[in-house]
């Protein structure tokens, strides 16, 4: 398909190329072009499906109308759903989104940030890896608009939108207790990220409030281990702790590994063990029995992240650092 140029629009509208250039660059009125001609050029541009060159626009304005979105793993359903909503919100305000996945790798995360800086994106939305604080400091030093999602660094002054992770796990643990479960395990990683710490804190405090917290029912797995290793770790942990009657998985990939381990152990859910996992997943809804979850408010997180970023990018108001926490949704299914 032939690329439409401003010359094509000029020919169709029967005006000069300079007139078209002024109109599509929002300078028609300033240059004294009549409203009728401006309207005609705009209608022809729409009719021909004209799309301005992003490079040309960037050279002229210094803006690319693009956002760099860096997430942990775009193949993970939580991040994929989050990216989809962010893209929809960005499209609504005529912005493009460049996706990147870090795979939880700090070095790759730094490389991606520098690549997006070279691409001159107008702003960044990032789910940071454990040691990315210095790279985010660089963005702040360069006065680049940036918003963190899903996680943040407690001592860093940067806007972020997250779920109330502490409340989510605290409420889920309390719910398990209300169902008569007393030996509740938690499965976490050793990543050290703030959202994982808060989830474990909520679990621990809920049990301490009942005077039944047991440190031996806490499993920390290697974040970078393979799925097979995680399944093996869970299998071994539950084999050694036969008294466990419920478990809280602190991320959906851990929950999925747990379900595979339980299948190998011939565990019946919820008869032998009740299960709740953070972050919903199609597999949890399709599993027999269906798996209860603490679902993140994905749409709210995405909408607030875009709003905070746009506030920074437009520069209309002084930049205010905001930390927004949204309550998760405890969805009870057949696994409890």
C-alpha atoms as a PDB file:
ATOM      1  CA  UNK A   1       0.000   0.000   0.000  1.00  0.00           C
ATOM      2  CA  UNK A   2       1.360   3.406  -1.011  1.00  0.00           C
ATOM      3  CA  UNK A   3       2.288   5.660   1.913  1.00  0.00           C
ATOM      4  CA  UNK A   4       0.161   8.794   1.928  1.00  0.00           C
ATOM      5  CA  UNK A   5       2.147  12.038   2.012  1.00  0.00           C
ATOM      6  CA  UNK A   6       1.195  15.674   2.502  1.00  0.00           C
ATOM      7  CA  UNK A   7       1.652  16.099  -1.266  1.00  0.00           C
ATOM      8  CA  UNK A   8      -1.195  13.610  -1.816  1.00  0.00           C
ATOM      9  CA  UNK A   9      -3.390  15.570   0.578  1.00  0.00           C
ATOM     10  CA  UNK A  10      -2.494  18.859  -1.149  1.00  0.00           C
ATOM     11  CA  UNK A  11      -3.395  17.409  -4.553  1.00  0.00           C
ATOM     12  CA  UNK A  12      -6.722  16.011  -3.344  1.00  0.00           C
ATOM     13  CA  UNK A  13      -7.665  19.174  -1.411  1.00  0.00           C
ATOM     14  CA  UNK A  14      -6.395  21.445  -4.201  1.00  0.00           C
ATOM     15  CA  UNK A  15      -4.239  23.519  -1.871  1.00  0.00           C
ATOM     16  CA  UNK A  16      -0.518  24.069  -1.522  1.00  0.00           C
ATOM     17  CA  UNK A  17       1.797  21.638   0.277  1.00  0.00           C
ATOM     18  CA  UNK A  18       2.701  24.388   2.765  1.00  0.00           C
ATOM     19  CA  UNK A  19      -0.978  24.873   3.594  1.00  0.00           C
ATOM     20  CA  UNK A  20      -1.330  21.160   4.365  1.00  0.00           C
ATOM     21  CA  UNK A  21       1.832  21.267   6.480  1.00  0.00           C
ATOM     22  CA  UNK A  22       0.523  24.165   8.542  1.00  0.00           C
ATOM     23  CA  UNK A  23      -2.854  22.493   9.076  1.00  0.00           C
ATOM     24  CA  UNK A  24      -1.606  19.062  10.138  1.00  0.00           C
ATOM     25  CA  UNK A  25       0.896  20.720  12.489  1.00  0.00           C
ATOM     26  CA  UNK A  26      -1.899  22.737  14.135  1.00  0.00           C
ATOM     27  CA  UNK A  27      -0.589  26.048  12.805  1.00  0.00           C
ATOM     28  CA  UNK A  28      -3.358  26.721  10.287  1.00  0.00           C
ATOM     29  CA  UNK A  29      -5.190  29.356  12.301  1.00  0.00           C
ATOM     30  CA  UNK A  30      -1.940  31.055  13.324  1.00  0.00           C
ATOM     31  CA  UNK A  31      -0.888  31.285   9.663  1.00  0.00           C
ATOM     32  CA  UNK A  32      -4.187  32.897   8.690  1.00  0.00           C
ATOM     33  CA  UNK A  33      -5.675  29.899   6.871  1.00  0.00           C
ATOM     34  CA  UNK A  34      -9.463  30.076   6.749  1.00  0.00           C
ATOM     35  CA  UNK A  35     -11.563  27.669   8.875  1.00  0.00           C
ATOM     36  CA  UNK A  36     -13.129  26.266   5.680  1.00  0.00           C
ATOM     37  CA  UNK A  37      -9.733  25.339   4.215  1.00  0.00           C
ATOM     38  CA  UNK A  38      -8.533  23.898   7.546  1.00  0.00           C
ATOM     39  CA  UNK A  39     -11.652  21.741   7.700  1.00  0.00           C
ATOM     40  CA  UNK A  40     -11.231  20.608   4.082  1.00  0.00           C
ATOM     41  CA  UNK A  41      -7.599  19.580   4.623  1.00  0.00           C
ATOM     42  CA  UNK A  42      -8.472  17.688   7.797  1.00  0.00           C
ATOM     43  CA  UNK A  43     -11.308  15.856   6.036  1.00  0.00           C
ATOM     44  CA  UNK A  44      -9.046  14.855   3.139  1.00  0.00           C
ATOM     45  CA  UNK A  45      -6.338  13.688   5.565  1.00  0.00           C
ATOM     46  CA  UNK A  46      -8.909  11.514   7.363  1.00  0.00           C
ATOM     47  CA  UNK A  47     -10.287  10.212   4.062  1.00  0.00           C
ATOM     48  CA  UNK A  48      -6.817   9.162   2.886  1.00  0.00           C
ATOM     49  CA  UNK A  49      -5.937   7.691   6.323  1.00  0.00           C
ATOM     50  CA  UNK A  50      -2.896   9.930   6.596  1.00  0.00           C
ATOM     51  CA  UNK A  51      -0.527   9.120   9.461  1.00  0.00           C
ATOM     52  CA  UNK A  52       2.269  11.601  10.211  1.00  0.00           C
ATOM     53  CA  UNK A  53       5.817  10.286  10.455  1.00  0.00           C
ATOM     54  CA  UNK A  54       6.781   9.708  14.081  1.00  0.00           C
ATOM     55  CA  UNK A  55      10.399  10.605  13.287  1.00  0.00           C
ATOM     56  CA  UNK A  56       9.435  13.846  11.577  1.00  0.00           C
ATOM     57  CA  UNK A  57       7.104  14.758  14.410  1.00  0.00           C
ATOM     58  CA  UNK A  58       9.830  14.015  16.936  1.00  0.00           C
ATOM     59  CA  UNK A  59      12.349  16.205  15.103  1.00  0.00           C
ATOM     60  CA  UNK A  60       9.867  19.061  14.966  1.00  0.00           C
ATOM     61  CA  UNK A  61       8.475  18.915  18.506  1.00  0.00           C
ATOM     62  CA  UNK A  62      11.032  16.940  20.501  1.00  0.00           C
ATOM     63  CA  UNK A  63       8.192  14.558  21.378  1.00  0.00           C
ATOM     64  CA  UNK A  64       7.459  11.084  20.007  1.00  0.00           C
ATOM     65  CA  UNK A  65       4.039  10.605  21.624  1.00  0.00           C
ATOM     66  CA  UNK A  66       5.348   7.297  22.893  1.00  0.00           C
ATOM     67  CA  UNK A  67       5.597   5.581  26.268  1.00  0.00           C
ATOM     68  CA  UNK A  68       8.150   2.962  27.280  1.00  0.00           C
ATOM     69  CA  UNK A  69       6.516   0.156  29.247  1.00  0.00           C
ATOM     70  CA  UNK A  70       8.965  -2.143  31.042  1.00  0.00           C
ATOM     71  CA  UNK A  71       7.461  -5.154  32.793  1.00  0.00           C
ATOM     72  CA  UNK A  72       8.877  -8.296  34.327  1.00  0.00           C
ATOM     73  CA  UNK A  73       7.414 -10.847  31.921  1.00  0.00           C
ATOM     74  CA  UNK A  74       4.926  -9.980  29.177  1.00  0.00           C
ATOM     75  CA  UNK A  75       4.065 -13.694  28.886  1.00  0.00           C
ATOM     76  CA  UNK A  76       2.800 -13.697  32.485  1.00  0.00           C
ATOM     77  CA  UNK A  77      -0.955 -13.126  32.322  1.00  0.00           C
ATOM     78  CA  UNK A  78      -0.927 -10.419  34.995  1.00  0.00           C
ATOM     79  CA  UNK A  79       1.611  -8.314  33.095  1.00  0.00           C
ATOM     80  CA  UNK A  80      -0.010  -9.081  29.741  1.00  0.00           C
ATOM     81  CA  UNK A  81      -3.404  -7.908  31.027  1.00  0.00           C
ATOM     82  CA  UNK A  82      -1.816  -4.841  32.593  1.00  0.00           C
ATOM     83  CA  UNK A  83       0.012  -3.986  29.353  1.00  0.00           C
ATOM     84  CA  UNK A  84      -3.200  -4.369  27.352  1.00  0.00           C
ATOM     85  CA  UNK A  85      -5.075  -1.876  29.516  1.00  0.00           C
ATOM     86  CA  UNK A  86      -2.145   0.569  29.482  1.00  0.00           C
ATOM     87  CA  UNK A  87      -2.031   0.335  25.688  1.00  0.00           C
ATOM     88  CA  UNK A  88      -5.783   0.998  25.481  1.00  0.00           C
ATOM     89  CA  UNK A  89      -5.472   4.010  27.777  1.00  0.00           C
ATOM     90  CA  UNK A  90      -2.475   5.329  25.827  1.00  0.00           C
ATOM     91  CA  UNK A  91      -4.246   4.858  22.491  1.00  0.00           C
ATOM     92  CA  UNK A  92      -7.184   6.857  23.798  1.00  0.00           C
ATOM     93  CA  UNK A  93      -4.887   9.873  24.179  1.00  0.00           C
ATOM     94  CA  UNK A  94      -3.033   9.125  20.927  1.00  0.00           C
ATOM     95  CA  UNK A  95       0.148   7.653  22.427  1.00  0.00           C
ATOM     96  CA  UNK A  96       2.066   4.566  21.316  1.00  0.00           C
ATOM     97  CA  UNK A  97       3.459   2.014  23.772  1.00  0.00           C
ATOM     98  CA  UNK A  98       6.806   0.241  23.382  1.00  0.00           C
ATOM     99  CA  UNK A  99       6.783  -3.037  25.349  1.00  0.00           C
ATOM    100  CA  UNK A 100       9.834  -4.561  26.980  1.00  0.00           C
ATOM    101  CA  UNK A 101      10.260  -7.572  29.294  1.00  0.00           C
ATOM    102  CA  UNK A 102      13.107  -7.744  31.791  1.00  0.00           C
ATOM    103  CA  UNK A 103      12.780 -11.404  32.774  1.00  0.00           C
ATOM    104  CA  UNK A 104      13.635 -10.183  36.264  1.00  0.00           C
ATOM    105  CA  UNK A 105      17.201  -9.478  35.070  1.00  0.00           C
ATOM    106  CA  UNK A 106      18.734  -6.266  36.486  1.00  0.00           C
ATOM    107  CA  UNK A 107      21.319  -5.916  33.719  1.00  0.00           C
ATOM    108  CA  UNK A 108      18.733  -6.341  30.985  1.00  0.00           C
ATOM    109  CA  UNK A 109      16.499  -3.807  32.743  1.00  0.00           C
ATOM    110  CA  UNK A 110      19.261  -1.204  32.612  1.00  0.00           C
ATOM    111  CA  UNK A 111      19.870  -1.920  28.927  1.00  0.00           C
ATOM    112  CA  UNK A 112      16.170  -1.509  28.155  1.00  0.00           C
ATOM    113  CA  UNK A 113      16.011   1.837  29.922  1.00  0.00           C
ATOM    114  CA  UNK A 114      18.990   3.132  27.921  1.00  0.00           C
ATOM    115  CA  UNK A 115      17.489   1.787  24.671  1.00  0.00           C
ATOM    116  CA  UNK A 116      14.208   3.586  25.354  1.00  0.00           C
ATOM    117  CA  UNK A 117      16.112   6.758  26.222  1.00  0.00           C
ATOM    118  CA  UNK A 118      17.800   6.559  22.813  1.00  0.00           C
ATOM    119  CA  UNK A 119      14.363   6.043  21.233  1.00  0.00           C
ATOM    120  CA  UNK A 120      13.363   9.326  22.918  1.00  0.00           C
ATOM    121  CA  UNK A 121      10.172   8.008  24.505  1.00  0.00           C
ATOM    122  CA  UNK A 122       8.253  10.715  26.325  1.00  0.00           C
ATOM    123  CA  UNK A 123       7.767   8.787  29.549  1.00  0.00           C
ATOM    124  CA  UNK A 124       8.347   5.497  31.341  1.00  0.00           C
ATOM    125  CA  UNK A 125       6.050   3.073  33.157  1.00  0.00           C
ATOM    126  CA  UNK A 126       8.180   0.455  34.893  1.00  0.00           C
ATOM    127  CA  UNK A 127       7.833  -2.623  37.077  1.00  0.00           C
ATOM    128  CA  UNK A 128      11.365  -2.433  38.488  1.00  0.00           C
ATOM    129  CA  UNK A 129      13.726  -5.303  39.161  1.00  0.00           C
ATOM    130  CA  UNK A 130      15.421  -5.617  42.533  1.00  0.00           C
ATOM    131  CA  UNK A 131      18.516  -3.527  41.749  1.00  0.00           C
ATOM    132  CA  UNK A 132      17.077  -0.991  39.301  1.00  0.00           C
ATOM    133  CA  UNK A 133      16.973   1.887  41.759  1.00  0.00           C
ATOM    134  CA  UNK A 134      20.081   3.598  40.338  1.00  0.00           C
ATOM    135  CA  UNK A 135      18.735   3.479  36.777  1.00  0.00           C
ATOM    136  CA  UNK A 136      15.478   5.050  37.930  1.00  0.00           C
ATOM    137  CA  UNK A 137      17.523   7.696  39.755  1.00  0.00           C
ATOM    138  CA  UNK A 138      19.140   8.441  36.382  1.00  0.00           C
ATOM    139  CA  UNK A 139      15.721   8.958  34.775  1.00  0.00           C
ATOM    140  CA  UNK A 140      14.750  11.316  37.585  1.00  0.00           C
ATOM    141  CA  UNK A 141      18.039  13.191  37.202  1.00  0.00           C
ATOM    142  CA  UNK A 142      17.318  13.557  33.479  1.00  0.00           C
ATOM    143  CA  UNK A 143      13.856  14.828  34.457  1.00  0.00           C
ATOM    144  CA  UNK A 144      12.150  12.052  32.512  1.00  0.00           C
ATOM    145  CA  UNK A 145       8.540  11.367  33.457  1.00  0.00           C
ATOM    146  CA  UNK A 146       8.420   8.001  35.208  1.00  0.00           C
ATOM    147  CA  UNK A 147       5.827   5.999  37.130  1.00  0.00           C
ATOM    148  CA  UNK A 148       6.446   2.655  38.819  1.00  0.00           C
ATOM    149  CA  UNK A 149       3.748  -0.015  38.935  1.00  0.00           C
ATOM    150  CA  UNK A 150       3.293  -3.230  40.939  1.00  0.00           C
ATOM    151  CA  UNK A 151       6.339  -2.426  43.082  1.00  0.00           C
ATOM    152  CA  UNK A 152       8.545   0.474  44.150  1.00  0.00           C
ATOM    153  CA  UNK A 153      11.558   1.398  46.267  1.00  0.00           C
ATOM    154  CA  UNK A 154      10.486   2.718  49.698  1.00  0.00           C
ATOM    155  CA  UNK A 155      13.288   5.305  49.950  1.00  0.00           C
ATOM    156  CA  UNK A 156      12.972   6.631  46.403  1.00  0.00           C
ATOM    157  CA  UNK A 157      10.866   9.692  45.629  1.00  0.00           C
ATOM    158  CA  UNK A 158       9.048   8.529  42.504  1.00  0.00           C
ATOM    159  CA  UNK A 159       5.349   8.210  41.745  1.00  0.00           C
ATOM    160  CA  UNK A 160       3.973   4.687  41.866  1.00  0.00           C
ATOM    161  CA  UNK A 161       0.702   2.780  41.632  1.00  0.00           C
ATOM    162  CA  UNK A 162       0.444  -0.550  43.424  1.00  0.00           C
ATOM    163  CA  UNK A 163      -2.030  -2.891  44.999  1.00  0.00           C
ATOM    164  CA  UNK A 164      -2.314  -2.831  48.785  1.00  0.00           C
ATOM    165  CA  UNK A 165      -0.317  -6.043  49.060  1.00  0.00           C
ATOM    166  CA  UNK A 166      -0.282  -6.157  52.855  1.00  0.00           C
ATOM    167  CA  UNK A 167      -4.065  -5.870  53.099  1.00  0.00           C
ATOM    168  CA  UNK A 168      -4.566  -8.451  50.356  1.00  0.00           C
ATOM    169  CA  UNK A 169      -2.594 -11.213  52.064  1.00  0.00           C
ATOM    170  CA  UNK A 170      -3.820 -10.243  55.537  1.00  0.00           C
ATOM    171  CA  UNK A 171      -7.460 -10.527  54.416  1.00  0.00           C
ATOM    172  CA  UNK A 172      -6.844 -13.809  52.577  1.00  0.00           C
ATOM    173  CA  UNK A 173      -5.148 -15.347  55.616  1.00  0.00           C
ATOM    174  CA  UNK A 174      -7.971 -14.161  57.887  1.00  0.00           C
ATOM    175  CA  UNK A 175     -10.461 -15.755  55.514  1.00  0.00           C
ATOM    176  CA  UNK A 176      -8.630 -19.086  55.678  1.00  0.00           C
ATOM    177  CA  UNK A 177      -8.668 -18.846  59.479  1.00  0.00           C
ATOM    178  CA  UNK A 178     -12.402 -18.182  59.426  1.00  0.00           C
ATOM    179  CA  UNK A 179     -12.816 -21.461  57.532  1.00  0.00           C
ATOM    180  CA  UNK A 180     -11.120 -23.376  60.335  1.00  0.00           C
ATOM    181  CA  UNK A 181      -7.659 -23.648  58.796  1.00  0.00           C
ATOM    182  CA  UNK A 182      -4.910 -23.413  61.427  1.00  0.00           C
ATOM    183  CA  UNK A 183      -1.707 -24.631  59.755  1.00  0.00           C
ATOM    184  CA  UNK A 184      -1.476 -22.147  56.925  1.00  0.00           C
ATOM    185  CA  UNK A 185       1.681 -22.135  54.809  1.00  0.00           C
ATOM    186  CA  UNK A 186       2.967 -19.355  52.588  1.00  0.00           C
ATOM    187  CA  UNK A 187       5.089 -19.769  49.451  1.00  0.00           C
ATOM    188  CA  UNK A 188       7.296 -16.822  48.482  1.00  0.00           C
ATOM    189  CA  UNK A 189      10.541 -16.148  46.613  1.00  0.00           C
ATOM    190  CA  UNK A 190      13.818 -14.751  47.871  1.00  0.00           C
ATOM    191  CA  UNK A 191      13.662 -11.737  45.550  1.00  0.00           C
ATOM    192  CA  UNK A 192      13.410  -9.155  48.344  1.00  0.00           C
ATOM    193  CA  UNK A 193      11.110  -6.848  46.356  1.00  0.00           C
ATOM    194  CA  UNK A 194       8.796  -4.690  48.434  1.00  0.00           C
ATOM    195  CA  UNK A 195       5.528  -6.173  47.139  1.00  0.00           C
ATOM    196  CA  UNK A 196       6.629  -9.703  48.108  1.00  0.00           C
ATOM    197  CA  UNK A 197       7.778  -8.543  51.537  1.00  0.00           C
ATOM    198  CA  UNK A 198       4.454  -6.794  52.204  1.00  0.00           C
ATOM    199  CA  UNK A 199       2.488  -9.873  51.136  1.00  0.00           C
ATOM    200  CA  UNK A 200       4.435 -12.051  53.538  1.00  0.00           C
ATOM    201  CA  UNK A 201       4.107  -9.426  56.295  1.00  0.00           C
ATOM    202  CA  UNK A 202       0.321  -9.431  55.921  1.00  0.00           C
ATOM    203  CA  UNK A 203       0.220 -13.216  56.168  1.00  0.00           C
ATOM    204  CA  UNK A 204       2.540 -13.283  59.198  1.00  0.00           C
ATOM    205  CA  UNK A 205       0.689 -10.563  61.114  1.00  0.00           C
ATOM    206  CA  UNK A 206      -2.709 -12.203  60.542  1.00  0.00           C
ATOM    207  CA  UNK A 207      -1.397 -15.411  62.131  1.00  0.00           C
ATOM    208  CA  UNK A 208       0.441 -13.601  64.935  1.00  0.00           C
ATOM    209  CA  UNK A 209      -2.801 -11.873  65.844  1.00  0.00           C
ATOM    210  CA  UNK A 210      -4.214 -15.351  66.496  1.00  0.00           C
ATOM    211  CA  UNK A 211      -1.045 -16.489  68.259  1.00  0.00           C
ATOM    212  CA  UNK A 212      -0.418 -19.329  65.790  1.00  0.00           C
ATOM    213  CA  UNK A 213       2.371 -18.089  63.502  1.00  0.00           C
ATOM    214  CA  UNK A 214       4.795 -20.911  62.664  1.00  0.00           C
ATOM    215  CA  UNK A 215       8.013 -19.962  60.875  1.00  0.00           C
ATOM    216  CA  UNK A 216       8.482 -23.560  59.684  1.00  0.00           C
ATOM    217  CA  UNK A 217       5.464 -23.135  57.369  1.00  0.00           C
ATOM    218  CA  UNK A 218       7.205 -20.442  55.301  1.00  0.00           C
ATOM    219  CA  UNK A 219       8.831 -21.530  52.024  1.00  0.00           C
ATOM    220  CA  UNK A 220      11.236 -19.197  50.233  1.00  0.00           C
ATOM    221  CA  UNK A 221      12.171 -20.365  46.735  1.00  0.00           C
ATOM    222  CA  UNK A 222      14.924 -19.130  44.443  1.00  0.00           C
ATOM    223  CA  UNK A 223      13.338 -16.476  42.238  1.00  0.00           C
ATOM    224  CA  UNK A 224      15.517 -17.422  39.260  1.00  0.00           C
ATOM    225  CA  UNK A 225      14.971 -21.179  39.497  1.00  0.00           C
ATOM    226  CA  UNK A 226      13.170 -23.067  36.737  1.00  0.00           C
ATOM    227  CA  UNK A 227       9.520 -24.058  36.953  1.00  0.00           C
ATOM    228  CA  UNK A 228      10.608 -27.681  37.437  1.00  0.00           C
ATOM    229  CA  UNK A 229      12.762 -26.656  40.415  1.00  0.00           C
ATOM    230  CA  UNK A 230       9.906 -24.693  41.954  1.00  0.00           C
ATOM    231  CA  UNK A 231       7.589 -27.701  41.590  1.00  0.00           C
ATOM    232  CA  UNK A 232      10.217 -29.927  43.228  1.00  0.00           C
ATOM    233  CA  UNK A 233      10.739 -27.430  46.090  1.00  0.00           C
ATOM    234  CA  UNK A 234       7.012 -27.260  46.792  1.00  0.00           C
ATOM    235  CA  UNK A 235       6.683 -31.056  46.594  1.00  0.00           C
ATOM    236  CA  UNK A 236       9.520 -31.496  49.100  1.00  0.00           C
ATOM    237  CA  UNK A 237       8.233 -28.770  51.443  1.00  0.00           C
ATOM    238  CA  UNK A 238       4.707 -30.185  51.683  1.00  0.00           C
ATOM    239  CA  UNK A 239       5.993 -33.724  52.024  1.00  0.00           C
ATOM    240  CA  UNK A 240       7.988 -32.657  55.096  1.00  0.00           C
ATOM    241  CA  UNK A 241       5.086 -30.629  56.548  1.00  0.00           C
ATOM    242  CA  UNK A 242       2.133 -32.995  56.491  1.00  0.00           C
ATOM    243  CA  UNK A 243       0.136 -30.857  58.949  1.00  0.00           C
ATOM    244  CA  UNK A 244      -0.374 -28.017  56.437  1.00  0.00           C
ATOM    245  CA  UNK A 245      -4.085 -27.549  55.755  1.00  0.00           C
ATOM    246  CA  UNK A 246      -3.973 -24.351  53.675  1.00  0.00           C
ATOM    247  CA  UNK A 247      -1.495 -22.377  51.581  1.00  0.00           C
ATOM    248  CA  UNK A 248      -1.151 -18.844  50.269  1.00  0.00           C
ATOM    249  CA  UNK A 249       0.928 -18.526  47.086  1.00  0.00           C
ATOM    250  CA  UNK A 250       2.282 -14.990  46.732  1.00  0.00           C
ATOM    251  CA  UNK A 251       2.320 -14.913  42.888  1.00  0.00           C
ATOM    252  CA  UNK A 252       0.434 -16.795  40.197  1.00  0.00           C
ATOM    253  CA  UNK A 253       3.508 -18.567  38.787  1.00  0.00           C
ATOM    254  CA  UNK A 254       4.123 -20.029  42.245  1.00  0.00           C
ATOM    255  CA  UNK A 255       0.463 -21.033  42.457  1.00  0.00           C
ATOM    256  CA  UNK A 256       0.670 -22.801  39.095  1.00  0.00           C
ATOM    257  CA  UNK A 257       3.805 -24.648  40.204  1.00  0.00           C
ATOM    258  CA  UNK A 258       2.026 -25.596  43.429  1.00  0.00           C
ATOM    259  CA  UNK A 259      -0.953 -27.087  41.605  1.00  0.00           C
ATOM    260  CA  UNK A 260       1.394 -29.282  39.591  1.00  0.00           C
ATOM    261  CA  UNK A 261       3.170 -30.406  42.758  1.00  0.00           C
ATOM    262  CA  UNK A 262      -0.152 -31.217  44.430  1.00  0.00           C
ATOM    263  CA  UNK A 263      -1.212 -33.290  41.438  1.00  0.00           C
ATOM    264  CA  UNK A 264       1.934 -35.363  41.831  1.00  0.00           C
ATOM    265  CA  UNK A 265       1.255 -35.731  45.548  1.00  0.00           C
ATOM    266  CA  UNK A 266      -2.381 -36.791  44.956  1.00  0.00           C
ATOM    267  CA  UNK A 267      -3.545 -33.910  47.153  1.00  0.00           C
ATOM    268  CA  UNK A 268      -7.260 -33.177  47.067  1.00  0.00           C
ATOM    269  CA  UNK A 269      -8.225 -29.498  46.981  1.00  0.00           C
ATOM    270  CA  UNK A 270      -9.743 -28.251  49.272  1.00  0.00           C
ATOM    271  CA  UNK A 271     -10.182 -31.465  51.296  1.00  0.00           C
ATOM    272  CA  UNK A 272      -6.453 -31.923  51.983  1.00  0.00           C
ATOM    273  CA  UNK A 273      -5.317 -28.347  51.475  1.00  0.00           C
ATOM    274  CA  UNK A 274      -7.119 -25.054  50.795  1.00  0.00           C
ATOM    275  CA  UNK A 275      -5.459 -22.846  48.202  1.00  0.00           C
ATOM    276  CA  UNK A 276      -5.398 -19.091  47.538  1.00  0.00           C
ATOM    277  CA  UNK A 277      -2.991 -17.431  45.091  1.00  0.00           C
ATOM    278  CA  UNK A 278      -2.124 -13.845  44.279  1.00  0.00           C
ATOM    279  CA  UNK A 279      -2.870 -12.688  40.711  1.00  0.00           C
ATOM    280  CA  UNK A 280      -5.663 -14.327  38.754  1.00  0.00           C
ATOM    281  CA  UNK A 281      -4.913 -16.573  35.784  1.00  0.00           C
ATOM    282  CA  UNK A 282      -6.997 -18.390  33.176  1.00  0.00           C
ATOM    283  CA  UNK A 283      -5.695 -21.699  34.510  1.00  0.00           C
ATOM    284  CA  UNK A 284      -7.101 -20.912  37.962  1.00  0.00           C
ATOM    285  CA  UNK A 285     -10.562 -20.438  36.486  1.00  0.00           C
ATOM    286  CA  UNK A 286     -10.302 -23.610  34.397  1.00  0.00           C
ATOM    287  CA  UNK A 287      -8.766 -25.822  37.072  1.00  0.00           C
ATOM    288  CA  UNK A 288     -10.936 -28.439  38.801  1.00  0.00           C
ATOM    289  CA  UNK A 289     -11.659 -27.255  41.420  1.00  0.00           C
ATOM    290  CA  UNK A 290     -11.426 -23.575  40.534  1.00  0.00           C
ATOM    291  CA  UNK A 291      -8.740 -21.695  42.493  1.00  0.00           C
ATOM    292  CA  UNK A 292      -9.422 -18.760  44.809  1.00  0.00           C
ATOM    293  CA  UNK A 293      -7.298 -15.671  44.158  1.00  0.00           C
ATOM    294  CA  UNK A 294      -6.389 -12.193  45.289  1.00  0.00           C
ATOM    295  CA  UNK A 295      -6.907 -10.360  41.999  1.00  0.00           C
ATOM    296  CA  UNK A 296      -5.078  -7.128  41.368  1.00  0.00           C
ATOM    297  CA  UNK A 297      -7.173  -4.120  40.268  1.00  0.00           C
ATOM    298  CA  UNK A 298      -5.469  -4.066  36.880  1.00  0.00           C
ATOM    299  CA  UNK A 299      -7.691  -1.462  35.210  1.00  0.00           C
ATOM    300  CA  UNK A 300      -7.367   0.956  38.132  1.00  0.00           C
ATOM    301  CA  UNK A 301      -3.592   0.519  38.302  1.00  0.00           C
ATOM    302  CA  UNK A 302      -3.221   1.145  34.548  1.00  0.00           C
ATOM    303  CA  UNK A 303      -5.537   4.156  34.480  1.00  0.00           C
ATOM    304  CA  UNK A 304      -3.847   5.790  37.453  1.00  0.00           C
ATOM    305  CA  UNK A 305      -0.372   5.105  36.039  1.00  0.00           C
ATOM    306  CA  UNK A 306      -1.266   6.805  32.750  1.00  0.00           C
ATOM    307  CA  UNK A 307      -2.812   9.757  34.582  1.00  0.00           C
ATOM    308  CA  UNK A 308       0.248  10.262  36.796  1.00  0.00           C
ATOM    309  CA  UNK A 309       2.537   9.989  33.761  1.00  0.00           C
ATOM    310  CA  UNK A 310       0.482  12.462  31.722  1.00  0.00           C
ATOM    311  CA  UNK A 311       0.541  14.938  34.617  1.00  0.00           C
ATOM    312  CA  UNK A 312       4.328  14.804  34.436  1.00  0.00           C
ATOM    313  CA  UNK A 313       4.570  14.896  30.628  1.00  0.00           C
ATOM    314  CA  UNK A 314       2.213  17.819  30.072  1.00  0.00           C
ATOM    315  CA  UNK A 315       3.931  19.965  32.664  1.00  0.00           C
ATOM    316  CA  UNK A 316       0.731  21.945  33.187  1.00  0.00           C
ATOM    317  CA  UNK A 317       0.920  21.504  36.957  1.00  0.00           C
ATOM    318  CA  UNK A 318       3.973  21.233  39.222  1.00  0.00           C
ATOM    319  CA  UNK A 319       5.082  17.601  39.508  1.00  0.00           C
ATOM    320  CA  UNK A 320       3.843  16.024  42.732  1.00  0.00           C
ATOM    321  CA  UNK A 321       5.178  12.651  43.824  1.00  0.00           C
ATOM    322  CA  UNK A 322       2.215  10.378  44.477  1.00  0.00           C
ATOM    323  CA  UNK A 323       2.030   6.873  45.879  1.00  0.00           C
ATOM    324  CA  UNK A 324      -1.317   5.257  45.090  1.00  0.00           C
ATOM    325  CA  UNK A 325      -2.430   1.988  46.675  1.00  0.00           C
ATOM    326  CA  UNK A 326      -5.465   0.155  45.359  1.00  0.00           C
ATOM    327  CA  UNK A 327      -7.294  -2.575  47.231  1.00  0.00           C
ATOM    328  CA  UNK A 328      -7.205  -6.028  45.666  1.00  0.00           C
ATOM    329  CA  UNK A 329     -10.209  -8.293  45.215  1.00  0.00           C
ATOM    330  CA  UNK A 330     -10.409 -11.583  47.118  1.00  0.00           C
ATOM    331  CA  UNK A 331     -12.259 -13.921  44.767  1.00  0.00           C
ATOM    332  CA  UNK A 332     -13.444 -17.050  46.542  1.00  0.00           C
ATOM    333  CA  UNK A 333     -13.811 -20.139  44.365  1.00  0.00           C
ATOM    334  CA  UNK A 334     -13.914 -23.871  45.026  1.00  0.00           C
ATOM    335  CA  UNK A 335     -10.377 -24.268  46.419  1.00  0.00           C
ATOM    336  CA  UNK A 336     -11.347 -23.079  49.930  1.00  0.00           C
END
